[in-house]
N, C-alpha and C. Protein backbone atom coordinates (compact mmCIF):
# COMPACT_ATOMS: atom_id res chain seq x y z
N MET A 1 0.55 -1.42 -0.54
CA MET A 1 0.23 -0.36 0.17
C MET A 1 0.87 1.30 0.20
N LYS A 2 0.45 1.92 -0.98
CA LYS A 2 1.72 2.98 -0.81
C LYS A 2 0.71 4.57 -0.33
N ASN A 3 1.65 4.84 0.33
CA ASN A 3 0.89 6.33 1.35
C ASN A 3 1.35 7.82 0.95
N ASP A 4 2.34 7.17 -0.29
CA ASP A 4 2.86 8.64 -0.33
C ASP A 4 2.01 9.48 -0.85
N SER A 5 2.36 11.21 -0.59
CA SER A 5 1.13 12.01 -0.98
C SER A 5 1.18 12.16 -2.45
N GLN A 6 2.08 11.94 -2.94
CA GLN A 6 1.75 11.76 -4.60
C GLN A 6 0.87 10.94 -5.29
N TYR A 7 -0.14 9.93 -4.30
CA TYR A 7 -0.26 9.03 -4.36
C TYR A 7 -1.44 9.18 -4.14
N ILE A 8 -3.04 8.67 -4.66
CA ILE A 8 -4.81 9.21 -4.40
C ILE A 8 -5.29 7.76 -4.48
N SER A 9 -5.99 7.20 -3.34
CA SER A 9 -7.17 6.18 -2.99
C SER A 9 -7.83 5.71 -4.33
N ARG A 10 -8.19 4.81 -5.25
CA ARG A 10 -9.03 4.50 -6.22
C ARG A 10 -10.42 3.63 -5.67
N PHE A 11 -9.56 2.14 -5.73
CA PHE A 11 -10.45 1.36 -5.15
C PHE A 11 -9.77 0.36 -3.95
N THR A 12 -11.44 0.49 -3.27
CA THR A 12 -10.94 -0.12 -1.86
C THR A 12 -10.80 -1.87 -2.09
N ALA A 13 -10.19 -2.30 -0.44
CA ALA A 13 -9.90 -3.93 -1.07
C ALA A 13 -10.56 -4.62 -1.11
N ALA A 14 -11.63 -4.42 -1.21
CA ALA A 14 -13.00 -4.80 -1.24
C ALA A 14 -13.17 -5.07 -2.14
N GLU A 15 -13.45 -3.80 -3.11
CA GLU A 15 -13.74 -3.65 -5.07
C GLU A 15 -12.59 -4.39 -5.74
N ARG A 16 -11.19 -4.45 -5.25
CA ARG A 16 -9.87 -5.24 -5.43
C ARG A 16 -10.24 -6.41 -5.52
N VAL A 17 -10.89 -6.98 -4.24
CA VAL A 17 -11.16 -8.45 -4.11
C VAL A 17 -12.08 -8.74 -5.14
N ASN A 18 -13.31 -8.03 -5.72
CA ASN A 18 -14.08 -8.52 -6.15
C ASN A 18 -13.84 -8.76 -7.81
N HIS A 19 -13.11 -7.59 -8.23
CA HIS A 19 -12.54 -7.31 -9.46
C HIS A 19 -12.00 -9.19 -9.99
N TRP A 20 -10.90 -8.96 -9.32
CA TRP A 20 -10.07 -10.27 -9.68
C TRP A 20 -10.85 -11.58 -9.27
N LEU A 21 -11.88 -11.55 -8.48
CA LEU A 21 -13.06 -12.89 -8.44
C LEU A 21 -13.43 -12.57 -9.71
N VAL A 22 -13.94 -11.63 -9.92
CA VAL A 22 -14.93 -11.93 -11.65
C VAL A 22 -13.82 -12.27 -12.46
N ALA A 23 -12.66 -11.77 -12.73
CA ALA A 23 -11.20 -12.36 -13.47
C ALA A 23 -10.97 -13.50 -13.20
N LEU A 24 -10.45 -14.02 -12.31
CA LEU A 24 -10.96 -15.33 -12.05
C LEU A 24 -12.14 -16.59 -12.09
N SER A 25 -12.91 -16.02 -12.35
CA SER A 25 -14.23 -17.30 -12.20
C SER A 25 -14.71 -17.14 -13.48
N PHE A 26 -14.47 -15.83 -14.84
CA PHE A 26 -14.37 -15.75 -15.94
C PHE A 26 -13.78 -16.49 -16.97
N ILE A 27 -12.10 -16.29 -16.46
CA ILE A 27 -11.29 -17.14 -16.92
C ILE A 27 -11.50 -18.72 -17.22
N LEU A 28 -12.10 -18.92 -15.82
CA LEU A 28 -12.18 -20.48 -15.96
C LEU A 28 -13.63 -20.76 -16.34
N LEU A 29 -14.39 -20.08 -16.66
CA LEU A 29 -15.52 -20.36 -17.53
C LEU A 29 -15.14 -20.30 -18.38
N ALA A 30 -14.40 -19.46 -18.66
CA ALA A 30 -14.55 -19.29 -20.75
C ALA A 30 -13.32 -20.38 -20.81
N LEU A 31 -12.24 -21.06 -20.55
CA LEU A 31 -11.61 -22.46 -21.30
C LEU A 31 -12.82 -23.22 -21.05
N SER A 32 -13.40 -23.57 -19.93
CA SER A 32 -14.27 -24.67 -19.60
C SER A 32 -15.45 -24.43 -20.81
N GLY A 33 -15.93 -23.37 -21.28
CA GLY A 33 -16.92 -23.02 -22.38
C GLY A 33 -15.96 -23.59 -23.35
N LEU A 34 -14.74 -23.49 -23.78
CA LEU A 34 -14.22 -23.15 -25.15
C LEU A 34 -14.41 -24.85 -25.75
N VAL A 35 -14.02 -25.64 -24.62
CA VAL A 35 -14.05 -26.99 -24.54
C VAL A 35 -15.46 -27.96 -25.22
N PHE A 36 -16.30 -26.94 -25.26
CA PHE A 36 -17.99 -27.87 -26.07
C PHE A 36 -18.18 -26.84 -27.24
N PHE A 37 -17.06 -25.90 -27.11
CA PHE A 37 -17.06 -24.62 -28.48
C PHE A 37 -16.83 -25.48 -29.72
N HIS A 38 -15.60 -25.98 -29.79
CA HIS A 38 -15.23 -26.53 -30.95
C HIS A 38 -14.49 -27.76 -30.52
N PRO A 39 -14.08 -28.52 -31.28
CA PRO A 39 -13.55 -29.84 -31.47
C PRO A 39 -11.79 -29.54 -30.75
N ALA A 40 -11.56 -28.22 -31.52
CA ALA A 40 -10.68 -28.13 -31.23
C ALA A 40 -9.55 -27.53 -30.01
N PHE A 41 -10.38 -26.91 -29.14
CA PHE A 41 -10.25 -26.67 -28.15
C PHE A 41 -11.10 -28.37 -27.01
N TYR A 42 -11.19 -29.07 -27.26
CA TYR A 42 -11.64 -30.35 -25.98
C TYR A 42 -10.65 -30.58 -24.96
N PRO A 43 -9.41 -30.38 -25.72
CA PRO A 43 -8.43 -30.79 -24.67
C PRO A 43 -7.99 -29.95 -23.82
N LEU A 44 -8.81 -28.90 -23.57
CA LEU A 44 -9.03 -28.01 -22.33
C LEU A 44 -9.64 -28.67 -21.47
N ASN A 45 -10.40 -29.51 -21.57
CA ASN A 45 -11.01 -30.11 -21.00
C ASN A 45 -10.31 -31.07 -19.47
N GLN A 46 -8.85 -31.71 -19.84
CA GLN A 46 -7.95 -31.71 -19.06
C GLN A 46 -7.48 -30.94 -17.50
N LEU A 47 -7.72 -29.62 -18.06
CA LEU A 47 -7.66 -28.34 -16.54
C LEU A 47 -8.77 -28.45 -15.91
N PHE A 48 -9.83 -29.66 -16.15
CA PHE A 48 -10.93 -29.80 -14.82
C PHE A 48 -11.38 -30.72 -14.51
N GLY A 49 -10.45 -32.23 -15.04
CA GLY A 49 -10.62 -33.33 -14.70
C GLY A 49 -11.47 -34.29 -15.84
N GLY A 50 -11.34 -33.62 -16.88
CA GLY A 50 -12.27 -34.40 -17.76
C GLY A 50 -13.63 -33.95 -18.34
N GLY A 51 -14.06 -34.50 -19.85
CA GLY A 51 -15.42 -34.10 -20.06
C GLY A 51 -16.58 -33.83 -19.34
N VAL A 52 -16.45 -35.17 -18.43
CA VAL A 52 -17.25 -35.53 -17.38
C VAL A 52 -17.27 -33.85 -16.34
N TRP A 53 -16.47 -34.12 -15.46
CA TRP A 53 -16.41 -32.91 -14.94
C TRP A 53 -15.90 -31.34 -15.09
N THR A 54 -15.80 -31.02 -16.56
CA THR A 54 -15.86 -30.02 -17.63
C THR A 54 -17.46 -30.02 -17.72
N ARG A 55 -18.19 -30.47 -17.83
CA ARG A 55 -19.79 -30.43 -18.33
C ARG A 55 -20.20 -29.79 -16.44
N ILE A 56 -19.78 -31.12 -15.44
CA ILE A 56 -20.35 -30.46 -14.22
C ILE A 56 -19.88 -29.09 -13.83
N LEU A 57 -18.60 -28.72 -14.15
CA LEU A 57 -18.19 -27.14 -13.02
C LEU A 57 -18.30 -26.51 -13.50
N HIS A 58 -18.74 -26.51 -15.21
CA HIS A 58 -19.09 -25.31 -16.18
C HIS A 58 -19.93 -24.31 -15.39
N PRO A 59 -21.19 -24.80 -15.75
CA PRO A 59 -22.40 -24.28 -14.88
C PRO A 59 -21.94 -23.91 -13.69
N LEU A 60 -21.34 -24.15 -13.25
CA LEU A 60 -21.38 -24.13 -11.25
C LEU A 60 -20.25 -22.63 -11.52
N LEU A 61 -19.34 -22.89 -12.48
CA LEU A 61 -18.66 -21.03 -12.39
C LEU A 61 -19.13 -20.59 -12.93
N GLY A 62 -19.95 -20.78 -13.90
CA GLY A 62 -21.27 -19.23 -14.40
C GLY A 62 -21.52 -19.27 -13.19
N VAL A 63 -22.56 -19.85 -11.99
CA VAL A 63 -23.03 -19.54 -11.19
C VAL A 63 -22.32 -18.55 -10.05
N LEU A 64 -20.81 -18.52 -9.72
CA LEU A 64 -19.93 -17.93 -9.32
C LEU A 64 -19.87 -16.79 -9.73
N LEU A 65 -19.79 -16.75 -11.51
CA LEU A 65 -19.04 -15.36 -11.94
C LEU A 65 -20.61 -14.45 -12.42
N MET A 66 -21.65 -15.43 -12.10
CA MET A 66 -23.16 -14.32 -12.15
C MET A 66 -22.97 -13.42 -10.23
N VAL A 67 -22.39 -14.42 -9.36
CA VAL A 67 -22.97 -13.74 -7.83
C VAL A 67 -21.54 -12.76 -8.11
N SER A 68 -20.48 -12.72 -8.53
CA SER A 68 -18.93 -11.89 -8.18
C SER A 68 -19.70 -10.68 -8.99
N PHE A 69 -19.82 -11.26 -10.29
CA PHE A 69 -20.38 -9.48 -11.72
C PHE A 69 -21.72 -8.67 -10.54
N GLY A 70 -22.70 -9.81 -10.12
CA GLY A 70 -23.78 -9.32 -9.68
C GLY A 70 -22.98 -8.01 -8.51
N LEU A 71 -22.59 -8.30 -7.48
CA LEU A 71 -21.75 -7.70 -6.20
C LEU A 71 -21.01 -6.53 -6.74
N MET A 72 -20.00 -6.76 -8.35
CA MET A 72 -19.58 -5.77 -8.58
C MET A 72 -20.88 -4.39 -9.86
N PHE A 73 -21.24 -5.01 -10.51
CA PHE A 73 -22.32 -4.47 -10.74
C PHE A 73 -23.24 -3.31 -9.47
N VAL A 74 -23.26 -3.82 -8.59
CA VAL A 74 -23.60 -3.23 -7.46
C VAL A 74 -23.06 -1.84 -7.00
N ARG A 75 -21.96 -2.92 -7.05
CA ARG A 75 -21.04 -1.46 -6.29
C ARG A 75 -20.44 -0.42 -7.60
N PHE A 76 -20.70 -0.34 -8.85
CA PHE A 76 -20.13 0.42 -9.93
C PHE A 76 -21.32 1.36 -10.78
N ARG A 77 -23.00 0.72 -10.50
CA ARG A 77 -23.86 1.06 -11.47
C ARG A 77 -23.60 2.86 -11.81
N GLU A 78 -23.62 2.92 -10.43
CA GLU A 78 -24.00 4.26 -10.02
C GLU A 78 -22.27 4.79 -10.97
N PHE A 79 -21.78 4.48 -10.97
CA PHE A 79 -19.99 5.53 -11.75
C PHE A 79 -20.19 5.06 -12.86
N ASN A 80 -21.19 4.30 -13.31
CA ASN A 80 -21.68 3.80 -14.85
C ASN A 80 -22.74 4.25 -16.01
N ARG A 81 -23.05 5.01 -14.99
CA ARG A 81 -24.52 6.06 -15.96
C ARG A 81 -24.05 6.82 -17.41
N ILE A 82 -24.07 6.65 -18.37
CA ILE A 82 -23.83 7.67 -19.85
C ILE A 82 -24.51 8.87 -19.40
N THR A 83 -23.55 10.17 -19.21
CA THR A 83 -24.03 11.51 -19.69
C THR A 83 -23.74 11.65 -20.55
N ALA A 84 -23.95 13.01 -20.29
CA ALA A 84 -23.91 13.99 -21.98
C ALA A 84 -22.37 14.24 -22.51
N THR A 85 -21.53 14.64 -21.09
CA THR A 85 -20.20 14.75 -21.71
C THR A 85 -19.69 13.28 -21.56
N ASP A 86 -20.26 12.15 -21.42
CA ASP A 86 -19.82 11.16 -22.22
C ASP A 86 -20.14 10.67 -23.27
N LYS A 87 -21.04 11.15 -24.16
CA LYS A 87 -21.60 10.72 -25.46
C LYS A 87 -20.60 12.47 -25.92
N GLU A 88 -20.00 13.44 -25.82
CA GLU A 88 -19.11 14.33 -26.22
C GLU A 88 -17.73 13.64 -26.07
N TRP A 89 -16.89 12.72 -25.30
CA TRP A 89 -15.91 12.14 -24.94
C TRP A 89 -15.94 11.01 -26.10
N LEU A 90 -17.12 10.35 -26.57
CA LEU A 90 -16.82 9.64 -27.26
C LEU A 90 -17.14 9.86 -28.84
N ARG A 91 -17.29 11.35 -28.96
CA ARG A 91 -17.43 11.64 -30.23
C ARG A 91 -16.45 12.46 -30.74
N HIS A 92 -15.42 12.23 -29.58
CA HIS A 92 -13.75 12.73 -30.06
C HIS A 92 -12.69 11.32 -29.74
N ALA A 93 -13.28 10.41 -29.71
CA ALA A 93 -12.56 9.21 -29.01
C ALA A 93 -11.79 8.60 -29.78
N ARG A 94 -12.28 8.93 -31.31
CA ARG A 94 -11.20 8.59 -32.48
C ARG A 94 -9.59 9.45 -32.50
N GLU A 95 -9.78 10.23 -31.82
CA GLU A 95 -9.24 12.22 -32.08
C GLU A 95 -7.76 11.26 -30.74
N MET A 96 -8.39 10.22 -30.09
CA MET A 96 -7.59 10.36 -28.99
C MET A 96 -6.80 9.50 -29.16
N VAL A 97 -7.38 8.07 -29.53
CA VAL A 97 -6.59 6.90 -29.98
C VAL A 97 -5.31 7.92 -30.91
N ALA A 98 -5.60 8.57 -31.60
CA ALA A 98 -4.73 8.77 -32.78
C ALA A 98 -3.47 10.15 -31.90
N GLY A 99 -4.34 9.65 -30.89
CA GLY A 99 -3.21 10.84 -30.01
C GLY A 99 -3.15 12.35 -29.73
N ASP A 100 -4.18 12.98 -29.78
CA ASP A 100 -4.44 13.85 -29.99
C ASP A 100 -5.75 13.75 -28.35
N ASP A 101 -5.70 13.63 -27.58
CA ASP A 101 -6.50 14.63 -26.80
C ASP A 101 -7.00 15.92 -25.86
N ARG A 102 -6.31 17.14 -26.94
CA ARG A 102 -6.70 18.09 -26.78
C ARG A 102 -8.25 18.86 -26.95
N ASN A 103 -9.38 17.68 -27.26
CA ASN A 103 -10.74 18.30 -26.56
C ASN A 103 -12.02 17.00 -26.92
N MET A 104 -10.81 16.08 -25.78
CA MET A 104 -11.26 15.58 -24.96
C MET A 104 -11.92 16.11 -23.71
N PRO A 105 -13.39 15.89 -23.16
CA PRO A 105 -13.62 16.46 -22.50
C PRO A 105 -12.86 15.47 -20.60
N GLU A 106 -13.36 16.00 -19.76
CA GLU A 106 -12.55 15.53 -18.32
C GLU A 106 -13.42 14.52 -18.29
N ALA A 107 -12.77 13.58 -17.59
CA ALA A 107 -13.38 11.71 -17.92
C ALA A 107 -14.23 12.11 -16.18
N ASP A 108 -14.55 11.30 -16.20
CA ASP A 108 -15.29 10.88 -14.18
C ASP A 108 -14.59 9.80 -13.64
N LYS A 109 -14.76 9.05 -12.47
CA LYS A 109 -14.26 7.86 -12.30
C LYS A 109 -13.80 6.79 -13.75
N PHE A 110 -15.01 6.77 -14.47
CA PHE A 110 -14.96 5.80 -15.48
C PHE A 110 -15.20 6.55 -16.49
N ASN A 111 -13.83 6.62 -17.96
CA ASN A 111 -14.18 7.64 -18.98
C ASN A 111 -15.30 6.82 -19.48
N ALA A 112 -16.10 7.57 -20.92
CA ALA A 112 -17.48 6.79 -21.37
C ALA A 112 -16.94 5.40 -22.28
N GLY A 113 -15.51 5.39 -22.47
CA GLY A 113 -15.51 3.97 -23.10
C GLY A 113 -15.47 2.77 -22.18
N GLN A 114 -15.14 3.06 -20.77
CA GLN A 114 -15.19 2.51 -19.70
C GLN A 114 -16.43 1.48 -19.37
N LYS A 115 -17.04 2.70 -19.10
CA LYS A 115 -18.58 3.12 -19.17
C LYS A 115 -19.94 1.89 -20.38
N VAL A 116 -19.15 2.12 -21.50
CA VAL A 116 -19.65 1.62 -22.39
C VAL A 116 -19.51 -0.10 -22.44
N LEU A 117 -18.35 -0.10 -22.26
CA LEU A 117 -17.61 -1.68 -22.19
C LEU A 117 -18.83 -1.93 -20.24
N PHE A 118 -18.42 -1.43 -19.53
CA PHE A 118 -19.31 -1.84 -18.55
C PHE A 118 -21.39 -2.50 -18.60
N TRP A 119 -21.71 -1.79 -19.81
CA TRP A 119 -22.80 -2.21 -20.02
C TRP A 119 -22.53 -2.78 -20.87
N LEU A 120 -22.01 -3.06 -21.43
CA LEU A 120 -21.36 -4.50 -22.99
C LEU A 120 -21.23 -5.80 -22.01
N LEU A 121 -20.96 -5.89 -21.30
CA LEU A 121 -20.79 -6.58 -20.73
C LEU A 121 -21.36 -7.20 -20.02
N VAL A 122 -22.50 -6.42 -18.97
CA VAL A 122 -23.93 -6.55 -18.48
C VAL A 122 -24.85 -6.85 -19.64
N ALA A 123 -25.12 -6.63 -20.48
CA ALA A 123 -25.67 -7.46 -21.97
C ALA A 123 -25.59 -8.77 -21.98
N CYS A 124 -24.01 -9.23 -21.95
CA CYS A 124 -23.29 -10.10 -21.95
C CYS A 124 -23.68 -11.28 -21.00
N MET A 125 -23.92 -10.74 -19.36
CA MET A 125 -24.11 -11.51 -18.83
C MET A 125 -25.33 -11.88 -18.31
N VAL A 126 -26.57 -11.13 -18.67
CA VAL A 126 -27.90 -11.36 -18.92
C VAL A 126 -28.25 -12.30 -20.03
N LEU A 127 -27.54 -12.07 -21.07
CA LEU A 127 -27.40 -13.44 -22.14
C LEU A 127 -27.31 -14.69 -21.62
N LEU A 128 -26.10 -14.32 -21.05
CA LEU A 128 -26.05 -15.57 -20.60
C LEU A 128 -26.35 -16.62 -19.65
N LEU A 129 -27.06 -15.65 -19.04
CA LEU A 129 -27.56 -15.81 -17.74
C LEU A 129 -28.98 -17.23 -18.29
N LEU A 130 -29.86 -15.98 -19.25
CA LEU A 130 -31.07 -17.14 -19.48
C LEU A 130 -30.64 -18.07 -19.86
N SER A 131 -29.78 -17.43 -21.50
CA SER A 131 -29.64 -19.10 -21.84
C SER A 131 -29.11 -20.05 -21.60
N GLY A 132 -28.14 -19.57 -20.45
CA GLY A 132 -27.67 -21.14 -19.87
C GLY A 132 -28.52 -21.44 -18.56
N ILE A 133 -29.51 -20.77 -18.22
CA ILE A 133 -31.08 -21.53 -17.40
C ILE A 133 -31.40 -22.53 -18.48
N VAL A 134 -31.37 -21.84 -19.65
CA VAL A 134 -32.30 -22.71 -20.52
C VAL A 134 -31.45 -24.19 -20.80
N ILE A 135 -29.87 -23.94 -21.08
CA ILE A 135 -29.53 -25.71 -21.61
C ILE A 135 -29.05 -26.18 -20.24
N TRP A 136 -29.15 -25.69 -19.36
CA TRP A 136 -28.34 -26.08 -18.05
C TRP A 136 -29.21 -27.50 -17.36
N ARG A 137 -28.97 -29.32 -18.25
CA ARG A 137 -29.68 -30.22 -18.42
C ARG A 137 -29.64 -30.54 -17.40
N ALA A 138 -28.99 -30.65 -15.80
CA ALA A 138 -29.40 -31.03 -14.50
C ALA A 138 -30.65 -30.53 -14.01
N TYR A 139 -30.57 -29.44 -14.36
CA TYR A 139 -32.04 -28.59 -13.35
C TYR A 139 -32.84 -28.46 -14.58
N PHE A 140 -32.54 -27.79 -15.93
CA PHE A 140 -33.92 -26.58 -16.23
C PHE A 140 -34.55 -27.03 -17.57
N SER A 141 -32.94 -27.79 -18.62
CA SER A 141 -33.98 -27.75 -20.06
C SER A 141 -34.78 -28.59 -20.16
N PHE A 142 -35.18 -29.83 -19.13
CA PHE A 142 -36.17 -30.72 -19.65
C PHE A 142 -37.76 -29.77 -19.77
N LEU A 143 -37.67 -28.42 -19.14
CA LEU A 143 -38.45 -27.50 -18.78
C LEU A 143 -39.33 -26.79 -20.32
N PHE A 144 -38.06 -26.46 -21.39
CA PHE A 144 -38.70 -26.10 -22.75
C PHE A 144 -37.98 -27.00 -23.65
N PRO A 145 -38.84 -26.64 -25.08
CA PRO A 145 -38.67 -27.75 -26.15
C PRO A 145 -38.27 -27.03 -27.00
N LEU A 146 -37.51 -28.80 -27.22
CA LEU A 146 -35.90 -28.79 -28.34
C LEU A 146 -35.50 -27.42 -28.81
N VAL A 147 -36.75 -26.62 -29.95
CA VAL A 147 -36.17 -25.02 -30.70
C VAL A 147 -35.46 -24.39 -29.37
N VAL A 148 -36.60 -24.09 -28.49
CA VAL A 148 -35.72 -23.03 -27.61
C VAL A 148 -34.59 -23.87 -26.95
N ILE A 149 -34.35 -25.33 -26.98
CA ILE A 149 -33.03 -25.08 -25.91
C ILE A 149 -31.83 -25.21 -26.95
N ARG A 150 -32.21 -24.58 -28.24
CA ARG A 150 -30.99 -24.45 -29.52
C ARG A 150 -31.00 -23.46 -29.99
N LEU A 151 -31.88 -22.88 -29.74
CA LEU A 151 -31.28 -21.33 -29.91
C LEU A 151 -31.24 -20.64 -29.01
N ALA A 152 -31.66 -21.18 -27.13
CA ALA A 152 -30.40 -20.35 -26.17
C ALA A 152 -29.39 -20.69 -26.57
N SER A 153 -28.81 -22.80 -26.79
CA SER A 153 -27.15 -22.67 -27.17
C SER A 153 -26.76 -21.44 -28.14
N VAL A 154 -27.15 -20.98 -29.26
CA VAL A 154 -26.66 -20.52 -30.53
C VAL A 154 -26.32 -19.03 -29.40
N ILE A 155 -27.04 -18.62 -28.48
CA ILE A 155 -27.13 -17.40 -28.30
C ILE A 155 -26.18 -17.55 -26.85
N HIS A 156 -25.81 -18.50 -25.84
CA HIS A 156 -25.19 -18.98 -24.79
C HIS A 156 -23.63 -18.48 -25.78
N ALA A 157 -23.27 -18.97 -27.10
CA ALA A 157 -22.19 -19.45 -27.35
C ALA A 157 -22.07 -17.32 -28.23
N ALA A 158 -22.93 -17.22 -28.82
CA ALA A 158 -22.19 -15.88 -28.84
C ALA A 158 -21.73 -14.68 -27.84
N ALA A 159 -23.19 -14.93 -27.01
CA ALA A 159 -22.58 -14.46 -25.98
C ALA A 159 -21.19 -14.52 -25.10
N GLY A 160 -20.92 -15.77 -25.57
CA GLY A 160 -19.92 -16.27 -24.41
C GLY A 160 -18.43 -15.45 -25.81
N ALA A 161 -18.51 -15.74 -26.75
CA ALA A 161 -17.52 -15.23 -28.23
C ALA A 161 -17.89 -13.58 -27.45
N GLY A 162 -18.52 -13.00 -27.62
CA GLY A 162 -18.27 -11.49 -27.26
C GLY A 162 -17.96 -11.08 -25.60
N MET A 163 -18.25 -11.92 -25.55
CA MET A 163 -17.80 -11.37 -23.80
C MET A 163 -16.02 -11.92 -23.84
N ILE A 164 -15.72 -12.33 -24.41
CA ILE A 164 -14.54 -12.88 -24.58
C ILE A 164 -13.34 -11.91 -24.91
N ALA A 165 -14.38 -11.32 -26.90
CA ALA A 165 -14.02 -10.41 -27.14
C ALA A 165 -13.38 -9.19 -26.11
N LEU A 166 -14.50 -8.74 -25.50
CA LEU A 166 -14.49 -7.33 -24.68
C LEU A 166 -13.46 -8.00 -23.93
N ILE A 167 -13.50 -8.73 -22.48
CA ILE A 167 -12.25 -9.00 -22.10
C ILE A 167 -11.13 -8.89 -22.23
N MET A 168 -11.19 -9.12 -23.52
CA MET A 168 -9.43 -9.13 -24.68
C MET A 168 -9.35 -7.46 -24.79
N GLY A 169 -10.20 -6.67 -24.95
CA GLY A 169 -10.58 -5.45 -25.49
C GLY A 169 -10.19 -4.97 -24.34
N HIS A 170 -10.33 -5.25 -22.98
CA HIS A 170 -10.59 -4.46 -21.48
C HIS A 170 -9.05 -4.34 -21.16
N ILE A 171 -8.58 -5.80 -21.91
CA ILE A 171 -7.10 -6.42 -20.74
C ILE A 171 -5.88 -5.45 -21.62
N TYR A 172 -6.33 -5.15 -23.07
CA TYR A 172 -5.32 -4.06 -24.22
C TYR A 172 -5.34 -3.21 -23.66
N MET A 173 -6.67 -2.66 -23.36
CA MET A 173 -6.88 -0.58 -22.97
C MET A 173 -5.76 -0.98 -21.26
N SER A 174 -6.17 -1.68 -20.68
CA SER A 174 -5.73 -1.18 -19.31
C SER A 174 -4.18 -1.49 -19.61
N ILE A 175 -3.51 -2.18 -20.55
CA ILE A 175 -1.98 -1.81 -20.83
C ILE A 175 -1.73 -1.01 -20.84
N TRP A 176 -2.49 -0.73 -22.92
CA TRP A 176 -2.39 0.65 -23.14
C TRP A 176 -2.35 1.95 -22.30
N THR A 177 -3.11 2.02 -20.94
CA THR A 177 -3.57 3.49 -20.37
C THR A 177 -2.26 2.93 -19.16
N LYS A 178 -1.27 3.52 -19.40
CA LYS A 178 -0.12 3.16 -18.38
C LYS A 178 -0.55 3.55 -16.86
N GLU A 179 -0.19 2.87 -16.29
CA GLU A 179 -0.60 2.96 -14.43
C GLU A 179 -2.17 2.37 -13.90
N SER A 180 -2.66 2.26 -15.64
CA SER A 180 -4.10 1.90 -15.11
C SER A 180 -4.04 0.56 -14.44
N THR A 181 -3.47 -0.43 -14.09
CA THR A 181 -3.47 -1.72 -13.74
C THR A 181 -3.23 -1.81 -12.37
N ASP A 182 -2.07 -0.17 -12.03
CA ASP A 182 -2.20 -0.07 -10.79
C ASP A 182 -3.23 -0.04 -9.40
N ALA A 183 -4.47 0.65 -10.33
CA ALA A 183 -5.29 0.66 -9.02
C ALA A 183 -5.96 -0.02 -8.64
N MET A 184 -5.96 -1.70 -9.28
CA MET A 184 -6.33 -3.12 -9.17
C MET A 184 -5.43 -3.49 -8.82
N LEU A 185 -4.05 -3.68 -8.46
CA LEU A 185 -2.92 -4.24 -8.14
C LEU A 185 -2.99 -3.69 -6.40
N TYR A 186 -2.74 -2.67 -6.03
CA TYR A 186 -2.65 -1.62 -5.48
C TYR A 186 -3.68 -0.69 -4.61
N GLY A 187 -4.68 -0.52 -4.87
CA GLY A 187 -6.14 0.05 -5.11
C GLY A 187 -4.96 1.76 -5.18
N GLN A 188 -4.37 2.43 -5.21
CA GLN A 188 -3.89 3.55 -5.62
C GLN A 188 -3.21 3.54 -6.87
N VAL A 189 -3.22 5.41 -6.89
CA VAL A 189 -2.87 6.02 -8.29
C VAL A 189 -2.04 7.48 -7.96
N ARG A 190 -1.07 7.61 -8.96
CA ARG A 190 -0.82 8.37 -9.01
C ARG A 190 -1.63 10.31 -8.97
N ARG A 191 -1.69 10.85 -8.22
CA ARG A 191 -2.18 12.37 -8.54
C ARG A 191 -2.15 12.71 -9.49
N ALA A 192 -1.29 12.16 -10.10
CA ALA A 192 -0.74 13.35 -11.53
C ALA A 192 -1.77 12.35 -13.02
N TRP A 193 -1.30 11.37 -12.47
CA TRP A 193 -2.37 10.04 -13.86
C TRP A 193 -3.70 10.37 -13.25
N ALA A 194 -3.86 10.47 -12.20
CA ALA A 194 -5.79 10.46 -11.69
C ALA A 194 -5.87 12.13 -12.64
N LYS A 195 -5.29 13.04 -12.49
CA LYS A 195 -6.00 14.45 -12.47
C LYS A 195 -5.62 14.24 -14.12
N GLN A 196 -4.63 13.48 -15.30
CA GLN A 196 -4.76 13.50 -16.41
C GLN A 196 -5.73 12.93 -17.11
N HIS A 197 -6.39 11.20 -16.44
CA HIS A 197 -7.26 10.24 -17.27
C HIS A 197 -8.27 10.98 -16.61
N HIS A 198 -8.78 11.62 -15.12
CA HIS A 198 -9.89 11.44 -14.62
C HIS A 198 -10.41 12.62 -14.02
N ALA A 199 -10.03 13.73 -15.15
CA ALA A 199 -9.76 15.20 -14.26
C ALA A 199 -11.02 15.45 -13.47
N ALA A 200 -12.57 14.99 -13.73
CA ALA A 200 -13.80 15.48 -13.44
C ALA A 200 -13.73 14.60 -11.41
N TRP A 201 -13.01 13.35 -11.67
CA TRP A 201 -13.45 12.61 -10.30
C TRP A 201 -12.69 12.78 -9.60
N PHE A 202 -11.09 13.27 -10.08
CA PHE A 202 -10.21 14.22 -8.84
C PHE A 202 -10.24 14.99 -8.35
N ARG A 203 -11.01 15.92 -8.59
CA ARG A 203 -11.15 17.23 -8.46
C ARG A 203 -12.52 17.27 -7.34
N GLN A 204 -12.91 15.92 -7.97
CA GLN A 204 -14.63 15.49 -7.09
C GLN A 204 -14.10 15.44 -5.41
N ILE A 205 -12.85 14.12 -6.03
CA ILE A 205 -12.39 13.77 -4.56
C ILE A 205 -11.82 14.47 -3.59
N THR A 206 -10.59 15.78 -4.25
CA THR A 206 -10.13 16.19 -3.20
C THR A 206 -10.50 17.80 -3.53
N GLY A 207 -11.70 18.30 -3.74
CA GLY A 207 -12.44 19.28 -3.13
C GLY A 207 -11.57 20.63 -4.06
N GLY A 208 -11.22 19.84 -5.02
CA GLY A 208 -10.83 21.04 -6.24
C GLY A 208 -9.60 20.29 -6.97
N GLY A 209 -8.64 19.71 -5.99
CA GLY A 209 -7.62 19.37 -6.58
C GLY A 209 -6.28 20.10 -6.20
N LYS A 210 -6.67 21.15 -5.13
CA LYS A 210 -5.81 21.81 -4.40
C LYS A 210 -4.49 21.53 -3.86
């Protein structure tokens, strides 16, 4: 934990534990899900003790992800509301990617890109939850006609692939934006970093940043 005056608190210990629990459960869920996605990935079942155990553990890992992500949703939903400033931020996003951030509006705790990612992940999670219930053979699939199960299987695979792509983008952007990973590792970031990347939030928590 860094207590130097140059640093500022960004995430609490509970928030960081929640984030890494979501990350771990997602990785395990993605790896086990790929086993059923395409035969080329079937050898991954050995990570879970074989095909039978993979089939048993996959939906249980899904429950773990849903619960941990649900807690994250409750923690961060207010910080991820899309505002007029966020819409303006998105209009200038290409300029920022090109290296020109002069016209970028000041970001709050999360910038507009992070907020859009958050809500896309929420949408994927809802699709995964609903379709997952339909195709969970041990408990629920007998309640639905075969055509619904088949449709749910396609939706489940598509939502899973979409979420994997989104998380890969999230990882890339966290590496691209230097020091952002420090926030989830140590809970703190440099005050200068916060002022540069999240100026509105920085002023809010510092009473003006003086």
